[in-house]
Amino acid sequence: LRDECGVSGWSLLQLPGDAVLVPAGAPHQVRSLSGTISVEQQFLSPESAVRLRQLDTGPAGTPRHLRAQLDGMIFAAVREALEVLRGCQ
């Protein structure tokens, strides 16, 4: 990819206890040197929520699980905002 598109990659050695954060949408590849346990978490950021709403314009609409995640994120943000406002009284 470096020669064709000017894209370069990173290489790192992850040791026990280390965590690696891969930004949303970033392609990545993993090569395990020994037996491993992998924990993955999908997270919908506010920036991605805008893109998700734009996907809703297609004939099939937004997949149900993504819409549910977006609704949950909005609900949590509103709940947190209300808690902050209640603390200001």
PDB file of N, CA and C in Angstrom:
ATOM      1  N   LEU A   1       0.808  -1.198   0.000  1.00  0.00           N
ATOM      2  CA  LEU A   1       0.000   0.000   0.000  1.00  0.00           C
ATOM      3  C   LEU A   1       0.850   1.261   0.000  1.00  0.00           C
ATOM      4  N   ARG A   2       2.033   1.170   0.555  1.00  0.00           N
ATOM      5  CA  ARG A   2       2.898   2.347   0.594  1.00  0.00           C
ATOM      6  C   ARG A   2       3.237   2.820  -0.809  1.00  0.00           C
ATOM      7  N   ASP A   3       3.599   1.882  -1.677  1.00  0.00           N
ATOM      8  CA  ASP A   3       3.980   2.246  -3.043  1.00  0.00           C
ATOM      9  C   ASP A   3       2.782   2.665  -3.882  1.00  0.00           C
ATOM     10  N   GLU A   4       1.669   1.964  -3.727  1.00  0.00           N
ATOM     11  CA  GLU A   4       0.500   2.219  -4.558  1.00  0.00           C
ATOM     12  C   GLU A   4      -0.310   3.436  -4.121  1.00  0.00           C
ATOM     13  N   CYS A   5      -0.470   3.624  -2.811  1.00  0.00           N
ATOM     14  CA  CYS A   5      -1.388   4.651  -2.316  1.00  0.00           C
ATOM     15  C   CYS A   5      -0.757   5.625  -1.323  1.00  0.00           C
ATOM     16  N   GLY A   6       0.510   5.442  -1.005  1.00  0.00           N
ATOM     17  CA  GLY A   6       1.153   6.327  -0.035  1.00  0.00           C
ATOM     18  C   GLY A   6       0.733   6.062   1.399  1.00  0.00           C
ATOM     19  N   VAL A   7       0.193   4.875   1.668  1.00  0.00           N
ATOM     20  CA  VAL A   7      -0.260   4.517   3.012  1.00  0.00           C
ATOM     21  C   VAL A   7       0.815   3.701   3.692  1.00  0.00           C
ATOM     22  N   SER A   8       1.178   4.115   4.898  1.00  0.00           N
ATOM     23  CA  SER A   8       2.169   3.338   5.638  1.00  0.00           C
ATOM     24  C   SER A   8       1.522   2.807   6.910  1.00  0.00           C
ATOM     25  N   GLY A   9       2.054   1.735   7.420  1.00  0.00           N
ATOM     26  CA  GLY A   9       1.482   1.091   8.595  1.00  0.00           C
ATOM     27  C   GLY A   9       2.384   1.201   9.804  1.00  0.00           C
ATOM     28  N   TRP A  10       1.877   0.716  10.913  1.00  0.00           N
ATOM     29  CA  TRP A  10       2.616   0.668  12.160  1.00  0.00           C
ATOM     30  C   TRP A  10       2.793  -0.786  12.541  1.00  0.00           C
ATOM     31  N   SER A  11       3.876  -1.066  13.203  1.00  0.00           N
ATOM     32  CA  SER A  11       4.111  -2.396  13.733  1.00  0.00           C
ATOM     33  C   SER A  11       4.468  -2.240  15.199  1.00  0.00           C
ATOM     34  N   LEU A  12       3.863  -3.058  16.053  1.00  0.00           N
ATOM     35  CA  LEU A  12       4.181  -2.957  17.475  1.00  0.00           C
ATOM     36  C   LEU A  12       4.140  -4.326  18.111  1.00  0.00           C
ATOM     37  N   LEU A  13       4.845  -4.456  19.206  1.00  0.00           N
ATOM     38  CA  LEU A  13       4.848  -5.686  19.986  1.00  0.00           C
ATOM     39  C   LEU A  13       4.066  -5.417  21.257  1.00  0.00           C
ATOM     40  N   GLN A  14       2.964  -6.118  21.416  1.00  0.00           N
ATOM     41  CA  GLN A  14       2.111  -5.954  22.583  1.00  0.00           C
ATOM     42  C   GLN A  14       2.494  -6.994  23.622  1.00  0.00           C
ATOM     43  N   LEU A  15       2.802  -6.539  24.813  1.00  0.00           N
ATOM     44  CA  LEU A  15       3.213  -7.421  25.907  1.00  0.00           C
ATOM     45  C   LEU A  15       2.042  -7.661  26.858  1.00  0.00           C
ATOM     46  N   PRO A  16       2.120  -8.685  27.712  1.00  0.00           N
ATOM     47  CA  PRO A  16       1.029  -8.936  28.663  1.00  0.00           C
ATOM     48  C   PRO A  16       0.708  -7.685  29.472  1.00  0.00           C
ATOM     49  N   GLY A  17      -0.582  -7.385  29.565  1.00  0.00           N
ATOM     50  CA  GLY A  17      -1.028  -6.197  30.293  1.00  0.00           C
ATOM     51  C   GLY A  17      -1.164  -4.964  29.423  1.00  0.00           C
ATOM     52  N   ASP A  18      -0.647  -4.989  28.197  1.00  0.00           N
ATOM     53  CA  ASP A  18      -0.763  -3.857  27.286  1.00  0.00           C
ATOM     54  C   ASP A  18      -2.125  -3.863  26.607  1.00  0.00           C
ATOM     55  N   ALA A  19      -2.615  -2.686  26.292  1.00  0.00           N
ATOM     56  CA  ALA A  19      -3.852  -2.544  25.521  1.00  0.00           C
ATOM     57  C   ALA A  19      -3.533  -1.715  24.287  1.00  0.00           C
ATOM     58  N   VAL A  20      -4.186  -2.029  23.198  1.00  0.00           N
ATOM     59  CA  VAL A  20      -3.994  -1.291  21.952  1.00  0.00           C
ATOM     60  C   VAL A  20      -5.347  -0.757  21.520  1.00  0.00           C
ATOM     61  N   LEU A  21      -5.428   0.535  21.278  1.00  0.00           N
ATOM     62  CA  LEU A  21      -6.647   1.158  20.796  1.00  0.00           C
ATOM     63  C   LEU A  21      -6.499   1.395  19.300  1.00  0.00           C
ATOM     64  N   VAL A  22      -7.387   0.807  18.535  1.00  0.00           N
ATOM     65  CA  VAL A  22      -7.404   1.003  17.079  1.00  0.00           C
ATOM     66  C   VAL A  22      -8.575   1.931  16.784  1.00  0.00           C
ATOM     67  N   PRO A  23      -8.326   3.099  16.184  1.00  0.00           N
ATOM     68  CA  PRO A  23      -9.422   4.038  15.912  1.00  0.00           C
ATOM     69  C   PRO A  23     -10.509   3.400  15.043  1.00  0.00           C
ATOM     70  N   ALA A  24     -11.736   3.843  15.276  1.00  0.00           N
ATOM     71  CA  ALA A  24     -12.871   3.331  14.510  1.00  0.00           C
ATOM     72  C   ALA A  24     -12.631   3.518  13.020  1.00  0.00           C
ATOM     73  N   GLY A  25     -12.899   2.475  12.273  1.00  0.00           N
ATOM     74  CA  GLY A  25     -12.766   2.538  10.825  1.00  0.00           C
ATOM     75  C   GLY A  25     -11.364   2.299  10.305  1.00  0.00           C
ATOM     76  N   ALA A  26     -10.402   2.176  11.205  1.00  0.00           N
ATOM     77  CA  ALA A  26      -9.021   1.970  10.771  1.00  0.00           C
ATOM     78  C   ALA A  26      -8.799   0.493  10.446  1.00  0.00           C
ATOM     79  N   PRO A  27      -8.384   0.194   9.231  1.00  0.00           N
ATOM     80  CA  PRO A  27      -8.084  -1.207   8.926  1.00  0.00           C
ATOM     81  C   PRO A  27      -6.883  -1.665   9.750  1.00  0.00           C
ATOM     82  N   HIS A  28      -6.922  -2.902  10.208  1.00  0.00           N
ATOM     83  CA  HIS A  28      -5.800  -3.411  10.995  1.00  0.00           C
ATOM     84  C   HIS A  28      -5.679  -4.915  10.811  1.00  0.00           C
ATOM     85  N   GLN A  29      -4.526  -5.407  11.170  1.00  0.00           N
ATOM     86  CA  GLN A  29      -4.210  -6.826  11.040  1.00  0.00           C
ATOM     87  C   GLN A  29      -3.474  -7.239  12.303  1.00  0.00           C
ATOM     88  N   VAL A  30      -3.749  -8.430  12.784  1.00  0.00           N
ATOM     89  CA  VAL A  30      -3.116  -8.931  14.009  1.00  0.00           C
ATOM     90  C   VAL A  30      -2.433 -10.250  13.701  1.00  0.00           C
ATOM     91  N   ARG A  31      -1.216 -10.390  14.193  1.00  0.00           N
ATOM     92  CA  ARG A  31      -0.499 -11.671  14.110  1.00  0.00           C
ATOM     93  C   ARG A  31      -0.103 -12.065  15.521  1.00  0.00           C
ATOM     94  N   SER A  32      -0.662 -13.142  16.009  1.00  0.00           N
ATOM     95  CA  SER A  32      -0.370 -13.610  17.368  1.00  0.00           C
ATOM     96  C   SER A  32       0.878 -14.469  17.354  1.00  0.00           C
ATOM     97  N   LEU A  33       1.801 -14.175  18.254  1.00  0.00           N
ATOM     98  CA  LEU A  33       3.039 -14.942  18.351  1.00  0.00           C
ATOM     99  C   LEU A  33       2.893 -16.127  19.285  1.00  0.00           C
ATOM    100  N   SER A  34       1.831 -16.129  20.103  1.00  0.00           N
ATOM    101  CA  SER A  34       1.554 -17.235  21.019  1.00  0.00           C
ATOM    102  C   SER A  34       0.054 -17.256  21.275  1.00  0.00           C
ATOM    103  N   GLY A  35      -0.398 -18.180  22.130  1.00  0.00           N
ATOM    104  CA  GLY A  35      -1.811 -18.228  22.470  1.00  0.00           C
ATOM    105  C   GLY A  35      -2.254 -16.921  23.098  1.00  0.00           C
ATOM    106  N   THR A  36      -3.401 -16.417  22.711  1.00  0.00           N
ATOM    107  CA  THR A  36      -3.867 -15.129  23.212  1.00  0.00           C
ATOM    108  C   THR A  36      -5.350 -15.174  23.543  1.00  0.00           C
ATOM    109  N   ILE A  37      -5.774 -14.212  24.333  1.00  0.00           N
ATOM    110  CA  ILE A  37      -7.182 -13.930  24.569  1.00  0.00           C
ATOM    111  C   ILE A  37      -7.403 -12.501  24.094  1.00  0.00           C
ATOM    112  N   SER A  38      -8.368 -12.327  23.217  1.00  0.00           N
ATOM    113  CA  SER A  38      -8.642 -11.016  22.653  1.00  0.00           C
ATOM    114  C   SER A  38      -9.983 -10.509  23.155  1.00  0.00           C
ATOM    115  N   VAL A  39     -10.024  -9.261  23.570  1.00  0.00           N
ATOM    116  CA  VAL A  39     -11.267  -8.623  23.993  1.00  0.00           C
ATOM    117  C   VAL A  39     -11.495  -7.443  23.071  1.00  0.00           C
ATOM    118  N   GLU A  40     -12.684  -7.416  22.477  1.00  0.00           N
ATOM    119  CA  GLU A  40     -12.996  -6.356  21.516  1.00  0.00           C
ATOM    120  C   GLU A  40     -14.245  -5.631  21.969  1.00  0.00           C
ATOM    121  N   GLN A  41     -14.263  -4.335  21.798  1.00  0.00           N
ATOM    122  CA  GLN A  41     -15.438  -3.540  22.143  1.00  0.00           C
ATOM    123  C   GLN A  41     -15.767  -2.624  20.974  1.00  0.00           C
ATOM    124  N   GLN A  42     -16.984  -2.715  20.492  1.00  0.00           N
ATOM    125  CA  GLN A  42     -17.448  -1.802  19.452  1.00  0.00           C
ATOM    126  C   GLN A  42     -18.019  -0.574  20.146  1.00  0.00           C
ATOM    127  N   PHE A  43     -17.671   0.602  19.655  1.00  0.00           N
ATOM    128  CA  PHE A  43     -18.143   1.836  20.267  1.00  0.00           C
ATOM    129  C   PHE A  43     -18.599   2.780  19.184  1.00  0.00           C
ATOM    130  N   LEU A  44     -19.749   3.371  19.360  1.00  0.00           N
ATOM    131  CA  LEU A  44     -20.263   4.337  18.405  1.00  0.00           C
ATOM    132  C   LEU A  44     -19.994   5.736  18.942  1.00  0.00           C
ATOM    133  N   SER A  45     -19.079   6.452  18.317  1.00  0.00           N
ATOM    134  CA  SER A  45     -18.740   7.802  18.751  1.00  0.00           C
ATOM    135  C   SER A  45     -19.771   8.786  18.222  1.00  0.00           C
ATOM    136  N   PRO A  46     -19.863   9.977  18.823  1.00  0.00           N
ATOM    137  CA  PRO A  46     -20.791  10.986  18.298  1.00  0.00           C
ATOM    138  C   PRO A  46     -20.511  11.328  16.828  1.00  0.00           C
ATOM    139  N   GLU A  47     -19.234  11.301  16.449  1.00  0.00           N
ATOM    140  CA  GLU A  47     -18.892  11.594  15.049  1.00  0.00           C
ATOM    141  C   GLU A  47     -19.439  10.519  14.118  1.00  0.00           C
ATOM    142  N   SER A  48     -19.397   9.279  14.568  1.00  0.00           N
ATOM    143  CA  SER A  48     -19.920   8.187  13.757  1.00  0.00           C
ATOM    144  C   SER A  48     -21.441   8.200  13.708  1.00  0.00           C
ATOM    145  N   ALA A  49     -22.065   8.765  14.732  1.00  0.00           N
ATOM    146  CA  ALA A  49     -23.527   8.812  14.765  1.00  0.00           C
ATOM    147  C   ALA A  49     -24.065   9.629  13.596  1.00  0.00           C
ATOM    148  N   VAL A  50     -23.383  10.703  13.258  1.00  0.00           N
ATOM    149  CA  VAL A  50     -23.802  11.525  12.118  1.00  0.00           C
ATOM    150  C   VAL A  50     -23.761  10.692  10.847  1.00  0.00           C
ATOM    151  N   ARG A  51     -22.709   9.937  10.676  1.00  0.00           N
ATOM    152  CA  ARG A  51     -22.585   9.080   9.490  1.00  0.00           C
ATOM    153  C   ARG A  51     -23.656   7.998   9.480  1.00  0.00           C
ATOM    154  N   LEU A  52     -23.965   7.467  10.641  1.00  0.00           N
ATOM    155  CA  LEU A  52     -24.998   6.440  10.744  1.00  0.00           C
ATOM    156  C   LEU A  52     -26.349   6.989  10.312  1.00  0.00           C
ATOM    157  N   ARG A  53     -26.654   8.191  10.739  1.00  0.00           N
ATOM    158  CA  ARG A  53     -27.918   8.813  10.325  1.00  0.00           C
ATOM    159  C   ARG A  53     -27.972   8.960   8.807  1.00  0.00           C
ATOM    160  N   GLN A  54     -26.836   9.271   8.184  1.00  0.00           N
ATOM    161  CA  GLN A  54     -26.798   9.422   6.729  1.00  0.00           C
ATOM    162  C   GLN A  54     -27.040   8.090   6.034  1.00  0.00           C
ATOM    163  N   LEU A  55     -26.642   6.988   6.650  1.00  0.00           N
ATOM    164  CA  LEU A  55     -26.871   5.665   6.067  1.00  0.00           C
ATOM    165  C   LEU A  55     -28.349   5.316   6.021  1.00  0.00           C
ATOM    166  N   ASP A  56     -29.152   5.983   6.826  1.00  0.00           N
ATOM    167  CA  ASP A  56     -30.576   5.688   6.902  1.00  0.00           C
ATOM    168  C   ASP A  56     -31.330   6.090   5.635  1.00  0.00           C
ATOM    169  N   THR A  57     -30.677   6.775   4.732  1.00  0.00           N
ATOM    170  CA  THR A  57     -31.361   7.259   3.539  1.00  0.00           C
ATOM    171  C   THR A  57     -31.500   6.198   2.468  1.00  0.00           C
ATOM    172  N   GLY A  58     -30.830   5.064   2.614  1.00  0.00           N
ATOM    173  CA  GLY A  58     -30.905   4.002   1.620  1.00  0.00           C
ATOM    174  C   GLY A  58     -32.217   3.250   1.703  1.00  0.00           C
ATOM    175  N   PRO A  59     -32.528   2.443   0.681  1.00  0.00           N
ATOM    176  CA  PRO A  59     -33.796   1.710   0.666  1.00  0.00           C
ATOM    177  C   PRO A  59     -33.932   0.717   1.808  1.00  0.00           C
ATOM    178  N   ALA A  60     -32.837   0.125   2.242  1.00  0.00           N
ATOM    179  CA  ALA A  60     -32.904  -0.854   3.333  1.00  0.00           C
ATOM    180  C   ALA A  60     -32.884  -0.179   4.698  1.00  0.00           C
ATOM    181  N   GLY A  61     -32.452   1.076   4.770  1.00  0.00           N
ATOM    182  CA  GLY A  61     -32.363   1.780   6.046  1.00  0.00           C
ATOM    183  C   GLY A  61     -31.179   1.309   6.866  1.00  0.00           C
ATOM    184  N   THR A  62     -31.048   1.871   8.057  1.00  0.00           N
ATOM    185  CA  THR A  62     -29.961   1.532   8.965  1.00  0.00           C
ATOM    186  C   THR A  62     -30.235   0.181   9.617  1.00  0.00           C
ATOM    187  N   PRO A  63     -29.219  -0.684   9.688  1.00  0.00           N
ATOM    188  CA  PRO A  63     -29.420  -1.962  10.385  1.00  0.00           C
ATOM    189  C   PRO A  63     -29.919  -1.738  11.810  1.00  0.00           C
ATOM    190  N   ARG A  64     -30.806  -2.624  12.268  1.00  0.00           N
ATOM    191  CA  ARG A  64     -31.486  -2.464  13.554  1.00  0.00           C
ATOM    192  C   ARG A  64     -30.508  -2.339  14.722  1.00  0.00           C
ATOM    193  N   HIS A  65     -29.432  -3.155  14.743  1.00  0.00           N
ATOM    194  CA  HIS A  65     -28.520  -3.105  15.899  1.00  0.00           C
ATOM    195  C   HIS A  65     -27.762  -1.779  15.962  1.00  0.00           C
ATOM    196  N   LEU A  66     -27.474  -1.173  14.789  1.00  0.00           N
ATOM    197  CA  LEU A  66     -26.793   0.117  14.803  1.00  0.00           C
ATOM    198  C   LEU A  66     -27.735   1.222  15.261  1.00  0.00           C
ATOM    199  N   ARG A  67     -28.982   1.141  14.840  1.00  0.00           N
ATOM    200  CA  ARG A  67     -29.974   2.129  15.281  1.00  0.00           C
ATOM    201  C   ARG A  67     -30.178   2.019  16.791  1.00  0.00           C
ATOM    202  N   ALA A  68     -30.221   0.798  17.313  1.00  0.00           N
ATOM    203  CA  ALA A  68     -30.387   0.601  18.756  1.00  0.00           C
ATOM    204  C   ALA A  68     -29.195   1.168  19.516  1.00  0.00           C
ATOM    205  N   GLN A  69     -27.998   0.999  18.985  1.00  0.00           N
ATOM    206  CA  GLN A  69     -26.806   1.535  19.642  1.00  0.00           C
ATOM    207  C   GLN A  69     -26.840   3.062  19.630  1.00  0.00           C
ATOM    208  N   LEU A  70     -27.269   3.640  18.528  1.00  0.00           N
ATOM    209  CA  LEU A  70     -27.373   5.095  18.432  1.00  0.00           C
ATOM    210  C   LEU A  70     -28.413   5.611  19.424  1.00  0.00           C
ATOM    211  N   ASP A  71     -29.570   4.952  19.495  1.00  0.00           N
ATOM    212  CA  ASP A  71     -30.609   5.366  20.442  1.00  0.00           C
ATOM    213  C   ASP A  71     -30.109   5.273  21.881  1.00  0.00           C
ATOM    214  N   GLY A  72     -29.373   4.212  22.194  1.00  0.00           N
ATOM    215  CA  GLY A  72     -28.813   4.066  23.537  1.00  0.00           C
ATOM    216  C   GLY A  72     -27.818   5.163  23.869  1.00  0.00           C
ATOM    217  N   MET A  73     -27.006   5.541  22.887  1.00  0.00           N
ATOM    218  CA  MET A  73     -26.030   6.602  23.102  1.00  0.00           C
ATOM    219  C   MET A  73     -26.732   7.938  23.361  1.00  0.00           C
ATOM    220  N   ILE A  74     -27.773   8.226  22.593  1.00  0.00           N
ATOM    221  CA  ILE A  74     -28.529   9.469  22.779  1.00  0.00           C
ATOM    222  C   ILE A  74     -29.189   9.474  24.157  1.00  0.00           C
ATOM    223  N   PHE A  75     -29.800   8.347  24.543  1.00  0.00           N
ATOM    224  CA  PHE A  75     -30.457   8.247  25.845  1.00  0.00           C
ATOM    225  C   PHE A  75     -29.462   8.486  26.972  1.00  0.00           C
ATOM    226  N   ALA A  76     -28.287   7.876  26.886  1.00  0.00           N
ATOM    227  CA  ALA A  76     -27.270   8.040  27.934  1.00  0.00           C
ATOM    228  C   ALA A  76     -26.798   9.487  28.018  1.00  0.00           C
ATOM    229  N   ALA A  77     -26.632  10.143  26.883  1.00  0.00           N
ATOM    230  CA  ALA A  77     -26.186  11.536  26.878  1.00  0.00           C
ATOM    231  C   ALA A  77     -27.235  12.451  27.500  1.00  0.00           C
ATOM    232  N   VAL A  78     -28.503  12.226  27.179  1.00  0.00           N
ATOM    233  CA  VAL A  78     -29.574  13.040  27.752  1.00  0.00           C
ATOM    234  C   VAL A  78     -29.669  12.796  29.256  1.00  0.00           C
ATOM    235  N   ARG A  79     -29.579  11.534  29.677  1.00  0.00           N
ATOM    236  CA  ARG A  79     -29.645  11.206  31.112  1.00  0.00           C
ATOM    237  C   ARG A  79     -28.501  11.893  31.872  1.00  0.00           C
ATOM    238  N   GLU A  80     -27.298  11.863  31.314  1.00  0.00           N
ATOM    239  CA  GLU A  80     -26.159  12.506  31.968  1.00  0.00           C
ATOM    240  C   GLU A  80     -26.339  14.018  32.038  1.00  0.00           C
ATOM    241  N   ALA A  81     -26.853  14.611  30.957  1.00  0.00           N
ATOM    242  CA  ALA A  81     -27.087  16.057  30.951  1.00  0.00           C
ATOM    243  C   ALA A  81     -28.111  16.447  32.013  1.00  0.00           C
ATOM    244  N   LEU A  82     -29.176  15.647  32.155  1.00  0.00           N
ATOM    245  CA  LEU A  82     -30.185  15.935  33.174  1.00  0.00           C
ATOM    246  C   LEU A  82     -29.606  15.824  34.576  1.00  0.00           C
ATOM    247  N   GLU A  83     -28.741  14.857  34.809  1.00  0.00           N
ATOM    248  CA  GLU A  83     -28.110  14.714  36.119  1.00  0.00           C
ATOM    249  C   GLU A  83     -27.246  15.924  36.437  1.00  0.00           C
ATOM    250  N   VAL A  84     -26.548  16.440  35.459  1.00  0.00           N
ATOM    251  CA  VAL A  84     -25.711  17.635  35.657  1.00  0.00           C
ATOM    252  C   VAL A  84     -26.597  18.823  35.989  1.00  0.00           C
ATOM    253  N   LEU A  85     -27.700  18.973  35.247  1.00  0.00           N
ATOM    254  CA  LEU A  85     -28.602  20.103  35.482  1.00  0.00           C
ATOM    255  C   LEU A  85     -29.256  20.017  36.862  1.00  0.00           C
ATOM    256  N   ARG A  86     -29.611  18.820  37.295  1.00  0.00           N
ATOM    257  CA  ARG A  86     -30.209  18.657  38.617  1.00  0.00           C
ATOM    258  C   ARG A  86     -29.226  19.026  39.718  1.00  0.00           C
ATOM    259  N   GLY A  87     -27.959  18.790  39.480  1.00  0.00           N
ATOM    260  CA  GLY A  87     -26.918  19.139  40.448  1.00  0.00           C
ATOM    261  C   GLY A  87     -26.675  20.631  40.546  1.00  0.00           C
ATOM    262  N   CYS A  88     -27.133  21.406  39.580  1.00  0.00           N
ATOM    263  CA  CYS A  88     -26.920  22.864  39.572  1.00  0.00           C
ATOM    264  C   CYS A  88     -27.994  23.609  40.351  1.00  0.00           C
ATOM    265  N   GLN A  89     -29.038  22.917  40.811  1.00  0.00           N
ATOM    266  CA  GLN A  89     -30.144  23.599  41.504  1.00  0.00           C
ATOM    267  C   GLN A  89     -29.754  24.015  42.896  1.00  0.00           C
TER     268      GLN A  89
END
